[in-house]
Amino acid sequence: MDYEDQLDRAMDETPEISSTGERFSVPDAEVRQEGKMTVYENFKATTDTLNREPSHVMKFFQDELGTSGHIDERGRARLKGEFRQDRIADALAEYVDSFVRCTECASPDTRLVTEQGTTVLKCDACGALSAVPDL
């Protein structure tokens, strides 16, 4: 068997890759209404995926949605008011764009650091530093 035959055989036996190639996936927000409160059920899982402090994400949600809220003992975000799932999803996407993804390479491998008294987004992939909005 020559090289070309071996290569054809290997390509035939290689399974198709079905993923989109995206290794970073933010969980969909699981939101439900509880009286006049909106409960973000998987808030803890989301902040763990984003590798951000829950209090920072919560502060952003409060500012973005114009409401008050708190994180309960089970790690759920409880927001005062009624917010639909798509509104929470939009706010989460805005947080990811502003505080998670690198502005240079779009990598999610970033962290918030303080440099000269200012919080900036530092990318662990390309080393870029980006300004982030104040909360």
C-alpha atoms as a PDB file:
ATOM      1  CA  MET A   1       0.000   0.000   0.000  1.00  0.00           C
ATOM      2  CA  ASP A   2       1.508   3.314  -1.038  1.00  0.00           C
ATOM      3  CA  TYR A   3       1.254   6.650   0.725  1.00  0.00           C
ATOM      4  CA  GLU A   4      -1.762   7.932  -1.255  1.00  0.00           C
ATOM      5  CA  ASP A   5      -3.760   4.758  -0.479  1.00  0.00           C
ATOM      6  CA  GLN A   6      -2.889   4.996   3.208  1.00  0.00           C
ATOM      7  CA  LEU A   7      -3.898   8.655   3.270  1.00  0.00           C
ATOM      8  CA  ASP A   8      -7.224   7.909   1.557  1.00  0.00           C
ATOM      9  CA  ARG A   9      -7.892   5.085   4.011  1.00  0.00           C
ATOM     10  CA  ALA A  10      -7.092   7.311   7.005  1.00  0.00           C
ATOM     11  CA  MET A  11      -9.371  10.077   5.716  1.00  0.00           C
ATOM     12  CA  ASP A  12     -12.210   7.569   5.165  1.00  0.00           C
ATOM     13  CA  GLU A  13     -11.892   6.233   8.714  1.00  0.00           C
ATOM     14  CA  THR A  14     -11.603   9.640  10.391  1.00  0.00           C
ATOM     15  CA  PRO A  15     -14.923  10.688  11.945  1.00  0.00           C
ATOM     16  CA  GLU A  16     -16.499  13.969  10.896  1.00  0.00           C
ATOM     17  CA  ILE A  17     -16.093  16.792  13.393  1.00  0.00           C
ATOM     18  CA  SER A  18     -19.555  17.962  14.363  1.00  0.00           C
ATOM     19  CA  SER A  19     -18.676  20.854  16.675  1.00  0.00           C
ATOM     20  CA  THR A  20     -18.513  24.468  15.632  1.00  0.00           C
ATOM     21  CA  GLY A  21     -14.959  24.743  16.871  1.00  0.00           C
ATOM     22  CA  GLU A  22     -16.036  27.107  19.640  1.00  0.00           C
ATOM     23  CA  ARG A  23     -14.587  25.894  22.935  1.00  0.00           C
ATOM     24  CA  PHE A  24     -16.137  28.683  24.996  1.00  0.00           C
ATOM     25  CA  SER A  25     -19.863  28.437  25.471  1.00  0.00           C
ATOM     26  CA  VAL A  26     -21.827  30.590  27.890  1.00  0.00           C
ATOM     27  CA  PRO A  27     -24.746  28.660  29.404  1.00  0.00           C
ATOM     28  CA  ASP A  28     -28.213  29.910  28.472  1.00  0.00           C
ATOM     29  CA  ALA A  29     -29.790  31.852  31.309  1.00  0.00           C
ATOM     30  CA  GLU A  30     -32.464  29.848  33.133  1.00  0.00           C
ATOM     31  CA  VAL A  31     -34.877  32.510  34.346  1.00  0.00           C
ATOM     32  CA  ARG A  32     -38.198  32.226  36.140  1.00  0.00           C
ATOM     33  CA  GLN A  33     -40.591  34.643  37.787  1.00  0.00           C
ATOM     34  CA  GLU A  34     -41.267  34.403  41.498  1.00  0.00           C
ATOM     35  CA  GLY A  35     -43.825  37.035  42.434  1.00  0.00           C
ATOM     36  CA  LYS A  36     -42.298  40.395  41.573  1.00  0.00           C
ATOM     37  CA  MET A  37     -38.792  38.921  41.498  1.00  0.00           C
ATOM     38  CA  THR A  38     -36.858  37.386  38.620  1.00  0.00           C
ATOM     39  CA  VAL A  39     -34.733  34.409  39.650  1.00  0.00           C
ATOM     40  CA  TYR A  40     -31.682  33.572  37.527  1.00  0.00           C
ATOM     41  CA  GLU A  41     -31.420  29.886  38.420  1.00  0.00           C
ATOM     42  CA  ASN A  42     -28.036  28.977  36.893  1.00  0.00           C
ATOM     43  CA  PHE A  43     -26.250  32.203  37.839  1.00  0.00           C
ATOM     44  CA  LYS A  44     -23.488  30.347  39.754  1.00  0.00           C
ATOM     45  CA  ALA A  45     -22.796  28.014  36.807  1.00  0.00           C
ATOM     46  CA  THR A  46     -22.641  31.029  34.502  1.00  0.00           C
ATOM     47  CA  THR A  47     -20.169  32.943  36.665  1.00  0.00           C
ATOM     48  CA  ASP A  48     -18.047  29.797  37.006  1.00  0.00           C
ATOM     49  CA  THR A  49     -17.966  29.421  33.212  1.00  0.00           C
ATOM     50  CA  LEU A  50     -17.061  33.094  32.778  1.00  0.00           C
ATOM     51  CA  ASN A  51     -14.415  32.814  35.529  1.00  0.00           C
ATOM     52  CA  ARG A  52     -15.670  36.020  37.140  1.00  0.00           C
ATOM     53  CA  GLU A  53     -16.696  36.955  40.660  1.00  0.00           C
ATOM     54  CA  PRO A  54     -20.473  36.578  41.112  1.00  0.00           C
ATOM     55  CA  SER A  55     -20.611  39.950  42.884  1.00  0.00           C
ATOM     56  CA  HIS A  56     -19.062  41.680  39.828  1.00  0.00           C
ATOM     57  CA  VAL A  57     -21.517  40.057  37.424  1.00  0.00           C
ATOM     58  CA  MET A  58     -24.398  40.882  39.775  1.00  0.00           C
ATOM     59  CA  LYS A  59     -23.372  44.539  39.950  1.00  0.00           C
ATOM     60  CA  PHE A  60     -23.322  44.669  36.156  1.00  0.00           C
ATOM     61  CA  PHE A  61     -26.804  43.131  35.954  1.00  0.00           C
ATOM     62  CA  GLN A  62     -28.128  45.637  38.479  1.00  0.00           C
ATOM     63  CA  ASP A  63     -26.681  48.544  36.487  1.00  0.00           C
ATOM     64  CA  GLU A  64     -27.728  47.146  33.099  1.00  0.00           C
ATOM     65  CA  LEU A  65     -31.276  46.270  34.151  1.00  0.00           C
ATOM     66  CA  GLY A  66     -31.759  49.282  36.414  1.00  0.00           C
ATOM     67  CA  THR A  67     -32.826  47.248  39.412  1.00  0.00           C
ATOM     68  CA  SER A  68     -31.649  45.932  42.735  1.00  0.00           C
ATOM     69  CA  GLY A  69     -31.016  42.353  43.692  1.00  0.00           C
ATOM     70  CA  HIS A  70     -28.885  39.910  45.587  1.00  0.00           C
ATOM     71  CA  ILE A  71     -27.292  36.473  45.342  1.00  0.00           C
ATOM     72  CA  ASP A  72     -29.053  33.928  47.534  1.00  0.00           C
ATOM     73  CA  GLU A  73     -27.516  31.067  49.533  1.00  0.00           C
ATOM     74  CA  ARG A  74     -27.925  28.686  46.576  1.00  0.00           C
ATOM     75  CA  GLY A  75     -25.953  30.966  44.246  1.00  0.00           C
ATOM     76  CA  ARG A  76     -28.990  32.194  42.318  1.00  0.00           C
ATOM     77  CA  ALA A  77     -29.359  35.833  41.346  1.00  0.00           C
ATOM     78  CA  ARG A  78     -32.616  37.352  42.564  1.00  0.00           C
ATOM     79  CA  LEU A  79     -33.497  40.556  40.729  1.00  0.00           C
ATOM     80  CA  LYS A  80     -36.304  42.872  41.757  1.00  0.00           C
ATOM     81  CA  GLY A  81     -38.776  43.229  38.905  1.00  0.00           C
ATOM     82  CA  GLU A  82     -39.969  41.080  36.045  1.00  0.00           C
ATOM     83  CA  PHE A  83     -37.427  40.431  33.288  1.00  0.00           C
ATOM     84  CA  ARG A  84     -37.901  38.067  30.388  1.00  0.00           C
ATOM     85  CA  GLN A  85     -35.277  35.465  29.547  1.00  0.00           C
ATOM     86  CA  ASP A  86     -34.209  37.307  26.391  1.00  0.00           C
ATOM     87  CA  ARG A  87     -33.538  40.528  28.355  1.00  0.00           C
ATOM     88  CA  ILE A  88     -31.315  38.623  30.785  1.00  0.00           C
ATOM     89  CA  ALA A  89     -29.585  36.905  27.840  1.00  0.00           C
ATOM     90  CA  ASP A  90     -28.922  40.290  26.195  1.00  0.00           C
ATOM     91  CA  ALA A  91     -27.417  41.655  29.421  1.00  0.00           C
ATOM     92  CA  LEU A  92     -25.258  38.532  29.752  1.00  0.00           C
ATOM     93  CA  ALA A  93     -24.008  38.904  26.165  1.00  0.00           C
ATOM     94  CA  GLU A  94     -23.144  42.538  26.895  1.00  0.00           C
ATOM     95  CA  TYR A  95     -21.196  41.459  30.011  1.00  0.00           C
ATOM     96  CA  VAL A  96     -19.250  38.866  28.008  1.00  0.00           C
ATOM     97  CA  ASP A  97     -18.386  41.448  25.333  1.00  0.00           C
ATOM     98  CA  SER A  98     -17.324  44.066  27.890  1.00  0.00           C
ATOM     99  CA  PHE A  99     -15.664  42.013  30.620  1.00  0.00           C
ATOM    100  CA  VAL A 100     -14.712  38.566  29.276  1.00  0.00           C
ATOM    101  CA  ARG A 101     -13.693  38.466  25.606  1.00  0.00           C
ATOM    102  CA  CYS A 102     -10.403  40.039  24.554  1.00  0.00           C
ATOM    103  CA  THR A 103     -10.896  43.023  22.265  1.00  0.00           C
ATOM    104  CA  GLU A 104      -7.830  42.043  20.222  1.00  0.00           C
ATOM    105  CA  CYS A 105      -8.117  38.267  19.701  1.00  0.00           C
ATOM    106  CA  ALA A 106     -11.652  37.506  21.062  1.00  0.00           C
ATOM    107  CA  SER A 107     -10.234  34.889  23.427  1.00  0.00           C
ATOM    108  CA  PRO A 108     -12.209  34.187  26.617  1.00  0.00           C
ATOM    109  CA  ASP A 109      -8.925  33.488  28.450  1.00  0.00           C
ATOM    110  CA  THR A 110      -8.889  36.819  30.242  1.00  0.00           C
ATOM    111  CA  ARG A 111      -8.890  38.183  33.752  1.00  0.00           C
ATOM    112  CA  LEU A 112      -9.680  41.488  35.370  1.00  0.00           C
ATOM    113  CA  VAL A 113      -6.600  43.087  36.909  1.00  0.00           C
ATOM    114  CA  THR A 114      -5.881  46.439  38.513  1.00  0.00           C
ATOM    115  CA  GLU A 115      -3.139  48.470  36.852  1.00  0.00           C
ATOM    116  CA  GLN A 116      -2.263  51.925  38.185  1.00  0.00           C
ATOM    117  CA  GLY A 117      -5.544  52.066  40.090  1.00  0.00           C
ATOM    118  CA  THR A 118      -7.682  51.181  37.048  1.00  0.00           C
ATOM    119  CA  THR A 119      -9.347  47.859  36.316  1.00  0.00           C
ATOM    120  CA  VAL A 120      -8.375  46.467  32.917  1.00  0.00           C
ATOM    121  CA  LEU A 121      -8.987  43.246  31.011  1.00  0.00           C
ATOM    122  CA  LYS A 122      -5.761  41.273  30.586  1.00  0.00           C
ATOM    123  CA  CYS A 123      -5.713  38.567  27.932  1.00  0.00           C
ATOM    124  CA  ASP A 124      -3.751  35.449  28.847  1.00  0.00           C
ATOM    125  CA  ALA A 125      -3.683  34.379  25.187  1.00  0.00           C
ATOM    126  CA  CYS A 126      -2.218  37.454  23.453  1.00  0.00           C
ATOM    127  CA  GLY A 127      -1.206  39.652  26.400  1.00  0.00           C
ATOM    128  CA  ALA A 128      -3.385  42.608  25.387  1.00  0.00           C
ATOM    129  CA  LEU A 129      -4.659  45.052  27.981  1.00  0.00           C
ATOM    130  CA  SER A 130      -8.074  46.638  27.396  1.00  0.00           C
ATOM    131  CA  ALA A 131      -9.984  49.237  29.321  1.00  0.00           C
ATOM    132  CA  VAL A 132     -13.279  48.080  30.819  1.00  0.00           C
ATOM    133  CA  PRO A 133     -16.248  50.221  31.856  1.00  0.00           C
ATOM    134  CA  ASP A 134     -16.449  51.279  35.486  1.00  0.00           C
ATOM    135  CA  LEU A 135     -19.105  49.622  37.607  1.00  0.00           C
END
